[in-house]
């Protein structure tokens, strides 16, 4: 039987830089980024808000390589933050910080975005995890993007980790997506029948000054305009390394399984975006609790059952990918809850959002 290709991985995480006394987000004045660049080169960069640090792994050949890199990156940023008397946390939103209080990084790119999008950009104080999966053939990559869109709500539900916004319990397990929805060219990706039609779309937007470069397509999943990857962008920033790597492993396995089906002339059903949006809303609202829709059966099914069905779907590729142990961590998430569930439990017990921040920063270093 033909072996699967190597589905390389690249993982990006966005970290919260926090004042250990007030527990509020705090500007690191580029000191963490500048210090990290000496050690990590281009693996770290400032984000639009000065209290955010983004890191990215090198190209990884396996989930295990990605795990080691994420552990290393988290450790280094914690170490550099500590030298500035700051701490680091991982969640899709900060429990109580107000975007109006957060300075914007002094960079022409961010000034341009703020100039164009105004308060939609200024209020975009959110933190995500992105996962690139390498696909050398862009036509195949586009087909896999079209098919993988169905699974985005399942992946998203597992990552939900932003139940609070500006000091309020929002009622959502992921309010981060509601904040980001204010941006143009976000949400579920459009369907394209060829790379040519996709590139024509990008060229049209650039030519008509809608965007100045194709990276301003901020969909939940995109065929990357410059790299031979498909990039999953839907996830909240996770509390722990184990959660991040579990979700990364599931993403890689979904791509590998869809690739395998395509190579056997069997493709996965492509469903209308209008239907998938219903599941995305449910994932944002309820996380792994409640139900999502099984469109094949045309009925509601418990979200946890659908995630277990997803594990069955990818089961025949995970051993070849070497990721079974990391994927099995999903059972811990299903049992103990997502980051959002855990944050809400701390708040329910203490009634104190500062204790929630302490929990977020404590979980960040777990397993390093």
Protein backbone atom coordinates (compact mmCIF):
# COMPACT_ATOMS: atom_id res chain seq x y z
CA UNK A 1 0.00 0.00 0.00
CA UNK A 2 1.31 3.44 -0.98
CA UNK A 3 2.73 5.48 1.90
CA UNK A 4 1.33 8.90 2.74
CA UNK A 5 3.54 11.88 1.93
CA UNK A 6 5.02 13.89 4.78
CA UNK A 7 2.39 16.44 5.79
CA UNK A 8 4.69 19.07 7.27
CA UNK A 9 3.38 21.32 10.01
CA UNK A 10 3.82 24.91 11.08
CA UNK A 11 2.09 26.19 14.20
CA UNK A 12 1.56 29.80 15.25
CA UNK A 13 0.39 30.82 18.72
CA UNK A 14 -0.53 34.29 20.03
CA UNK A 15 0.33 34.91 23.69
CA UNK A 16 -1.08 37.35 26.23
CA UNK A 17 1.49 39.46 28.09
CA UNK A 18 0.11 40.16 31.54
CA UNK A 19 0.96 42.32 34.56
CA UNK A 20 1.34 39.93 37.53
CA UNK A 21 -0.06 42.51 39.99
CA UNK A 22 -3.11 43.90 38.17
CA UNK A 23 -3.60 40.76 36.01
CA UNK A 24 -4.39 43.13 33.15
CA UNK A 25 -2.80 42.93 29.72
CA UNK A 26 0.32 45.06 29.52
CA UNK A 27 2.51 46.38 26.75
CA UNK A 28 5.91 44.74 26.66
CA UNK A 29 7.30 47.75 24.71
CA UNK A 30 8.82 45.30 22.18
CA UNK A 31 11.38 44.19 24.77
CA UNK A 32 10.16 40.59 24.74
CA UNK A 33 10.07 40.47 20.93
CA UNK A 34 13.46 42.16 20.58
CA UNK A 35 14.99 39.82 23.15
CA UNK A 36 13.40 36.78 21.54
CA UNK A 37 14.65 37.70 18.07
CA UNK A 38 18.23 37.26 19.27
CA UNK A 39 17.44 33.63 20.14
CA UNK A 40 14.53 32.82 17.84
CA UNK A 41 15.14 35.04 14.77
CA UNK A 42 11.95 35.21 12.70
CA UNK A 43 10.04 32.79 14.94
CA UNK A 44 8.67 35.63 17.02
CA UNK A 45 6.99 38.91 16.10
CA UNK A 46 4.96 41.71 17.57
CA UNK A 47 1.24 41.83 16.83
CA UNK A 48 -1.10 44.78 16.36
CA UNK A 49 -1.59 45.31 20.09
CA UNK A 50 1.55 45.74 22.18
CA UNK A 51 0.37 43.20 24.76
CA UNK A 52 0.42 40.37 22.20
CA UNK A 53 3.40 38.24 21.14
CA UNK A 54 3.10 35.83 18.22
CA UNK A 55 5.42 32.85 17.85
CA UNK A 56 5.73 30.34 15.04
CA UNK A 57 7.47 27.00 14.79
CA UNK A 58 9.93 26.10 12.09
CA UNK A 59 8.66 23.66 9.45
CA UNK A 60 8.08 20.42 11.36
CA UNK A 61 8.04 16.93 9.84
CA UNK A 62 5.91 15.42 12.60
CA UNK A 63 3.51 16.28 15.39
CA UNK A 64 6.23 15.37 17.88
CA UNK A 65 8.59 17.92 16.32
CA UNK A 66 5.85 20.55 16.55
CA UNK A 67 5.28 19.69 20.21
CA UNK A 68 8.95 20.12 21.06
CA UNK A 69 9.05 23.47 19.27
CA UNK A 70 5.92 24.78 20.98
CA UNK A 71 7.32 23.76 24.37
CA UNK A 72 10.58 25.55 23.58
CA UNK A 73 8.84 28.70 22.32
CA UNK A 74 6.50 28.93 25.30
CA UNK A 75 9.43 28.43 27.70
CA UNK A 76 11.54 31.14 26.05
CA UNK A 77 8.74 33.72 26.02
CA UNK A 78 7.96 32.99 29.70
CA UNK A 79 11.66 33.39 30.51
CA UNK A 80 11.94 36.72 28.65
CA UNK A 81 8.68 38.02 30.14
CA UNK A 82 9.92 37.18 33.63
CA UNK A 83 12.96 39.43 33.06
CA UNK A 84 10.50 42.29 32.45
CA UNK A 85 8.45 41.32 35.54
CA UNK A 86 5.63 40.11 33.31
CA UNK A 87 3.79 36.80 32.93
CA UNK A 88 2.29 34.98 29.94
CA UNK A 89 -1.08 33.35 29.32
CA UNK A 90 -2.95 31.48 26.61
CA UNK A 91 -6.64 32.16 25.88
CA UNK A 92 -8.69 33.51 22.98
CA UNK A 93 -9.58 36.70 24.89
CA UNK A 94 -8.43 38.27 28.14
CA UNK A 95 -11.14 37.98 30.82
CA UNK A 96 -11.42 41.69 31.58
CA UNK A 97 -8.92 43.88 29.68
CA UNK A 98 -10.45 46.65 27.60
CA UNK A 99 -9.18 47.16 24.07
CA UNK A 100 -9.43 50.94 24.48
CA UNK A 101 -6.56 50.75 27.01
CA UNK A 102 -4.21 48.73 24.78
CA UNK A 103 -1.64 50.64 22.68
CA UNK A 104 -1.15 49.72 19.02
CA UNK A 105 2.31 48.58 17.88
CA UNK A 106 4.12 51.36 16.01
CA UNK A 107 4.42 49.68 12.62
CA UNK A 108 3.25 50.97 9.21
CA UNK A 109 1.41 47.69 8.53
CA UNK A 110 -0.72 48.04 11.66
CA UNK A 111 -1.26 51.76 11.16
CA UNK A 112 -2.61 50.98 7.67
CA UNK A 113 -5.01 48.34 9.01
CA UNK A 114 -6.27 50.68 11.75
CA UNK A 115 -6.63 53.53 9.25
CA UNK A 116 -8.77 51.32 7.02
CA UNK A 117 -10.79 49.36 9.58
CA UNK A 118 -10.91 51.87 12.46
CA UNK A 119 -12.53 50.50 15.65
CA UNK A 120 -12.99 47.07 14.09
CA UNK A 121 -9.17 46.85 14.11
CA UNK A 122 -8.59 48.64 17.42
CA UNK A 123 -11.03 46.31 19.21
CA UNK A 124 -9.51 43.17 17.69
CA UNK A 125 -7.83 42.22 20.98
CA UNK A 126 -7.96 38.46 20.38
CA UNK A 127 -5.56 35.54 20.40
CA UNK A 128 -5.60 32.52 18.08
CA UNK A 129 -3.71 29.41 17.10
CA UNK A 130 -3.02 28.78 13.40
CA UNK A 131 -1.85 25.50 11.89
CA UNK A 132 -0.26 25.14 8.44
CA UNK A 133 -0.23 21.73 6.76
CA UNK A 134 2.16 21.36 3.83
CA UNK A 135 0.70 20.34 0.45
CA UNK A 136 3.11 20.56 -2.49
CA UNK A 137 0.42 20.37 -5.18
CA UNK A 138 -1.73 23.48 -4.91
CA UNK A 139 -4.61 22.02 -6.94
CA UNK A 140 -4.84 19.14 -4.49
CA UNK A 141 -4.44 21.62 -1.64
CA UNK A 142 -7.43 23.58 -2.90
CA UNK A 143 -9.57 20.42 -3.15
CA UNK A 144 -8.58 19.49 0.41
CA UNK A 145 -9.43 23.00 1.60
CA UNK A 146 -12.89 22.72 0.06
CA UNK A 147 -13.49 19.36 1.74
CA UNK A 148 -11.87 20.12 5.11
CA UNK A 149 -14.20 23.09 5.62
CA UNK A 150 -16.86 20.66 6.86
CA UNK A 151 -14.68 19.75 9.86
CA UNK A 152 -13.85 23.30 10.94
CA UNK A 153 -16.66 23.50 13.55
CA UNK A 154 -15.54 20.19 15.10
CA UNK A 155 -11.94 21.43 15.44
CA UNK A 156 -13.12 24.83 16.64
CA UNK A 157 -15.36 23.35 19.33
CA UNK A 158 -12.35 21.58 20.89
CA UNK A 159 -10.34 24.83 20.98
CA UNK A 160 -12.99 27.12 22.48
CA UNK A 161 -11.25 29.23 25.12
CA UNK A 162 -12.72 32.75 25.20
CA UNK A 163 -15.88 32.93 27.31
CA UNK A 164 -15.22 36.42 28.72
CA UNK A 165 -14.97 39.83 27.06
CA UNK A 166 -14.19 43.11 28.83
CA UNK A 167 -15.17 41.75 32.23
CA UNK A 168 -18.41 40.10 31.16
CA UNK A 169 -19.42 36.48 30.85
CA UNK A 170 -20.57 36.49 27.23
CA UNK A 171 -22.61 33.27 27.13
CA UNK A 172 -20.31 32.01 24.36
CA UNK A 173 -17.56 29.43 24.73
CA UNK A 174 -15.66 31.38 22.04
CA UNK A 175 -16.39 35.09 21.89
CA UNK A 176 -13.13 35.60 19.99
CA UNK A 177 -14.83 34.69 16.71
CA UNK A 178 -17.62 37.22 17.35
CA UNK A 179 -14.97 39.95 17.76
CA UNK A 180 -13.12 38.90 14.60
CA UNK A 181 -16.33 38.74 12.55
CA UNK A 182 -16.19 42.55 12.31
CA UNK A 183 -13.22 42.24 9.95
CA UNK A 184 -13.85 41.83 6.21
CA UNK A 185 -12.92 38.56 4.47
CA UNK A 186 -13.27 36.44 7.61
CA UNK A 187 -15.33 33.36 8.41
CA UNK A 188 -15.64 30.13 6.47
CA UNK A 189 -13.75 29.99 3.15
CA UNK A 190 -15.43 30.35 -0.21
CA UNK A 191 -15.57 27.33 -2.52
CA UNK A 192 -13.24 27.47 -5.56
CA UNK A 193 -13.15 24.90 -8.35
CA UNK A 194 -9.50 25.53 -9.28
CA UNK A 195 -6.35 27.33 -8.17
CA UNK A 196 -6.78 29.53 -11.24
CA UNK A 197 -10.16 30.81 -10.07
CA UNK A 198 -8.80 31.30 -6.54
CA UNK A 199 -5.81 33.29 -7.80
CA UNK A 200 -8.06 35.31 -10.10
CA UNK A 201 -10.15 36.24 -7.05
CA UNK A 202 -7.02 37.36 -5.17
CA UNK A 203 -5.74 39.32 -8.18
CA UNK A 204 -9.10 41.06 -8.56
CA UNK A 205 -9.06 42.21 -4.94
CA UNK A 206 -5.49 43.51 -5.24
CA UNK A 207 -6.15 45.19 -8.60
CA UNK A 208 -9.24 46.98 -7.28
CA UNK A 209 -7.46 48.14 -4.08
CA UNK A 210 -9.65 46.07 -1.78
CA UNK A 211 -6.43 44.62 -0.36
CA UNK A 212 -2.76 45.44 -0.89
CA UNK A 213 -1.63 41.83 -0.54
CA UNK A 214 -3.34 38.41 -0.57
CA UNK A 215 -2.54 37.71 3.10
CA UNK A 216 -5.46 39.98 4.00
CA UNK A 217 -7.78 37.07 3.29
CA UNK A 218 -8.46 36.15 6.93
CA UNK A 219 -10.70 33.12 6.46
CA UNK A 220 -10.95 30.28 8.98
CA UNK A 221 -9.11 28.11 6.45
CA UNK A 222 -7.17 29.26 3.41
CA UNK A 223 -4.84 28.00 0.75
CA UNK A 224 -1.91 30.16 1.71
CA UNK A 225 -1.18 32.73 -1.00
CA UNK A 226 2.62 32.38 -0.76
CA UNK A 227 3.40 29.00 0.85
CA UNK A 228 2.39 25.53 -0.32
CA UNK A 229 0.23 25.00 2.75
CA UNK A 230 -3.38 25.05 3.78
CA UNK A 231 -3.73 27.14 6.91
CA UNK A 232 -6.35 26.44 9.59
CA UNK A 233 -7.07 29.72 11.36
CA UNK A 234 -10.31 29.00 13.24
CA UNK A 235 -8.94 27.96 16.64
CA UNK A 236 -8.81 29.95 19.85
CA UNK A 237 -5.43 30.11 21.54
CA UNK A 238 -5.24 27.04 23.79
CA UNK A 239 -4.41 26.93 27.50
CA UNK A 240 -1.84 24.12 27.37
CA UNK A 241 0.68 22.58 25.00
CA UNK A 242 -1.22 19.29 25.15
CA UNK A 243 -4.42 20.93 23.90
CA UNK A 244 -2.63 22.76 21.09
CA UNK A 245 -0.82 19.64 19.93
CA UNK A 246 -3.92 17.43 20.15
CA UNK A 247 -5.78 19.82 17.84
CA UNK A 248 -2.77 20.18 15.50
CA UNK A 249 -2.55 16.37 15.27
CA UNK A 250 -6.27 16.12 14.44
CA UNK A 251 -5.90 18.81 11.76
CA UNK A 252 -2.96 17.00 10.17
CA UNK A 253 -4.85 13.69 10.25
CA UNK A 254 -7.94 15.22 8.61
CA UNK A 255 -5.81 16.54 5.76
CA UNK A 256 -4.01 13.19 5.42
CA UNK A 257 -7.29 11.23 5.40
CA UNK A 258 -8.89 13.52 2.80
CA UNK A 259 -5.72 13.25 0.70
CA UNK A 260 -5.88 9.46 0.94
CA UNK A 261 -9.52 9.45 -0.18
CA UNK A 262 -8.68 11.71 -3.11
CA UNK A 263 -5.81 9.47 -4.19
CA UNK A 264 -8.29 6.57 -4.20
CA UNK A 265 -10.69 8.60 -6.38
CA UNK A 266 -13.07 9.02 -3.47
CA UNK A 267 -13.77 12.54 -2.31
CA UNK A 268 -15.53 13.75 0.80
CA UNK A 269 -18.90 15.44 0.38
CA UNK A 270 -18.81 19.21 0.06
CA UNK A 271 -21.63 20.87 1.99
CA UNK A 272 -23.10 24.34 1.59
CA UNK A 273 -21.42 27.02 3.67
CA UNK A 274 -24.85 28.08 4.89
CA UNK A 275 -25.14 24.68 6.60
CA UNK A 276 -21.59 24.61 7.99
CA UNK A 277 -22.18 28.11 9.43
CA UNK A 278 -24.91 26.61 11.62
CA UNK A 279 -22.38 24.22 13.17
CA UNK A 280 -19.79 26.99 13.54
CA UNK A 281 -22.30 29.08 15.50
CA UNK A 282 -23.09 26.12 17.75
CA UNK A 283 -19.39 25.50 18.36
CA UNK A 284 -18.84 29.18 19.27
CA UNK A 285 -21.89 29.22 21.54
CA UNK A 286 -21.63 25.83 23.26
CA UNK A 287 -18.13 24.44 22.58
CA UNK A 288 -18.25 20.66 22.95
CA UNK A 289 -21.52 20.75 24.89
CA UNK A 290 -24.93 20.57 23.26
CA UNK A 291 -25.44 19.37 19.66
CA UNK A 292 -24.22 19.99 16.16
CA UNK A 293 -25.86 18.87 12.93
CA UNK A 294 -24.91 15.71 11.07
CA UNK A 295 -25.75 16.83 7.55
CA UNK A 296 -25.51 13.30 6.15
CA UNK A 297 -28.19 12.10 8.57
CA UNK A 298 -29.91 15.52 8.57
CA UNK A 299 -30.38 15.50 12.32
CA UNK A 300 -28.88 16.88 15.52
CA UNK A 301 -26.22 14.77 17.20
CA UNK A 302 -24.29 15.40 20.40
CA UNK A 303 -21.15 17.33 19.53
CA UNK A 304 -19.03 14.92 21.56
CA UNK A 305 -20.42 12.01 19.52
CA UNK A 306 -19.54 13.79 16.27
CA UNK A 307 -15.99 14.32 17.52
CA UNK A 308 -15.73 10.61 18.35
CA UNK A 309 -16.98 9.87 14.81
CA UNK A 310 -14.26 12.18 13.50
CA UNK A 311 -11.69 10.10 15.40
CA UNK A 312 -13.05 6.98 13.69
CA UNK A 313 -12.85 8.74 10.32
CA UNK A 314 -9.14 9.56 10.70
CA UNK A 315 -8.16 6.37 12.56
CA UNK A 316 -6.53 4.64 9.57
CA UNK A 317 -3.92 7.40 9.06
CA UNK A 318 -2.86 8.34 12.60
CA UNK A 319 -0.40 5.49 13.16
CA UNK A 320 1.44 6.28 9.94
CA UNK A 321 1.54 9.91 11.03
CA UNK A 322 2.82 8.84 14.46
CA UNK A 323 0.26 10.96 16.29
CA UNK A 324 -2.08 8.50 18.03
CA UNK A 325 -0.95 9.39 21.55
CA UNK A 326 -1.40 13.12 20.93
CA UNK A 327 -4.79 12.63 19.28
CA UNK A 328 -5.94 10.44 22.17
CA UNK A 329 -5.65 13.50 24.41
CA UNK A 330 -9.00 14.52 22.88
CA UNK A 331 -10.66 12.11 25.33
CA UNK A 332 -9.25 14.21 28.19
CA UNK A 333 -10.71 17.36 26.59
CA UNK A 334 -14.09 15.64 26.12
CA UNK A 335 -14.05 14.51 29.76
CA UNK A 336 -12.66 17.63 31.49
CA UNK A 337 -13.89 20.32 29.12
CA UNK A 338 -12.24 22.88 26.88
CA UNK A 339 -10.34 25.94 28.06
CA UNK A 340 -13.62 27.87 28.13
CA UNK A 341 -15.25 25.28 30.38
CA UNK A 342 -12.31 25.42 32.77
CA UNK A 343 -12.25 29.24 32.86
CA UNK A 344 -15.98 29.29 33.59
CA UNK A 345 -15.56 26.72 36.37
CA UNK A 346 -12.90 28.88 38.07
CA UNK A 347 -15.15 31.94 37.82
CA UNK A 348 -18.17 30.05 39.13
CA UNK A 349 -16.14 28.90 42.13
CA UNK A 350 -14.42 32.22 42.91
CA UNK A 351 -16.49 34.98 41.27
CA UNK A 352 -13.14 36.66 40.59
CA UNK A 353 -11.79 37.28 37.09
CA UNK A 354 -8.30 37.83 38.52
CA UNK A 355 -8.40 34.19 39.66
CA UNK A 356 -9.36 33.25 36.10
CA UNK A 357 -6.25 35.09 34.82
CA UNK A 358 -4.14 33.24 37.41
CA UNK A 359 -5.57 29.99 36.10
CA UNK A 360 -4.79 30.93 32.46
CA UNK A 361 -1.18 31.87 33.25
CA UNK A 362 -0.72 28.76 35.40
CA UNK A 363 -1.98 26.43 32.66
CA UNK A 364 0.26 28.10 30.07
CA UNK A 365 3.41 26.55 31.52
CA UNK A 366 1.89 23.13 32.22
CA UNK A 367 4.02 20.36 30.75
CA UNK A 368 6.94 22.57 29.72
